[in-house]
């Protein structure tokens, strides 16, 4: 055996003999000369002799990890925690991983979370939850479920919420509901709305509020006299009818403080006539007065803002007055009333005679007088009978030849 040129059959046959007659030395022989023997032949000899520890070791050395894990599952006497975890991470068939989970539940339940931690990247978490639920050992995997809940899977969230309800851990359940919303929320609320613990009923009302079932949430809160929760739910709903309903409820209960708190919290959703009427009928005038003062101030600010936005601007008024003055100036021929900065109106200069006066003068009529032969009552400036009116001169309203 010490020769380097020794044939592999020598080591193999010696191992076979050890398996038959001296099994205590077989493991040591395999560890020393494992690379120089025929492993399949020795493996068959070990299986015949039911030496499962040696079988597992040979399978691992031969990189047959699937067979090694199956052998340890089939023969629990050959199970070794570190060896099993080392082999199960390298299996090619994923189904073996789920068989390993079932094996741990049945044989090594306290080590289940360690196995699941090792297999986290290879297994389907929803399938594991279904498998553990079927085996009725879901609480064993609580640490594993908390570790993988960050993936926000529906099966994992529902399993954890179920465990929190069974353990009456309402703080953890509230945190889970807030952080992970991928589960049947209405089913959870219906399950815990009649729970014997008040905090679970509050969580049910909270879940209804998250799903916009405000009426149901307010009913649960009022039944448990959790008036603060009901007021906050009404404020979030933005429903005026729901706000009026809870105001009337507080009037029936003679709870003045909650009536006033509702007016403050739900200020945007309460009609002023409803609030004032309820306060007047039930003697809550002092409690409604802060709401009335706030509403009056809000209304005053709104009207003031509207007046400010609709008031005419000073520049627009000045421009309008200037345009009006210019129009009047053009109508009456007053240069002083023309548009500022525009061309001045043309007027007759000193010593100049208007055209129509020149025409009258040329016709033998003094300016402003009556020509001879004109019948009485004839308007001034009209030509006498039989006389043609003077023709317009070029430059006085007639277009010049060739202008167009």
Foldseek 3Di string as FASTA:
>chain_A
DPDPPDAQDVLLVVLLVCLVPPVVCNVVSCVVCVVSHDLVSSLVSCVVSVVLLVNLVSCVVVVVLLVSLVSCLVPVVNDDVVSNLVSLLPDPDLVSLVVVLVSCVVPPLLCNQVSCVSCVVPDDPLVSLVVCVVVVNLVSNQVVLVVPCVVLDASSLVSNLVVCVVVVVLVVNLVSVVPHPNYDLQVLLVVQCPPPDPSSVLVSLVSCLVVLVLVVSLVSCVVVVVLVSNLVSCLVNLALVSLLVVLVVCLVVVPLVSNLVSCVSNVVRYDVVSSVVSCVVSVNCVSCVVSVVVVVVVVVVVVVVVCVVPDDDPVVVVVVVLVVQQVVCVVVVPQVSHRPPDDGGDDDDPPDDDPLQVQCVVVVAHRPGDDPPADPPDDPSDDHPPDDRDDDDPPRPDDDPPPD
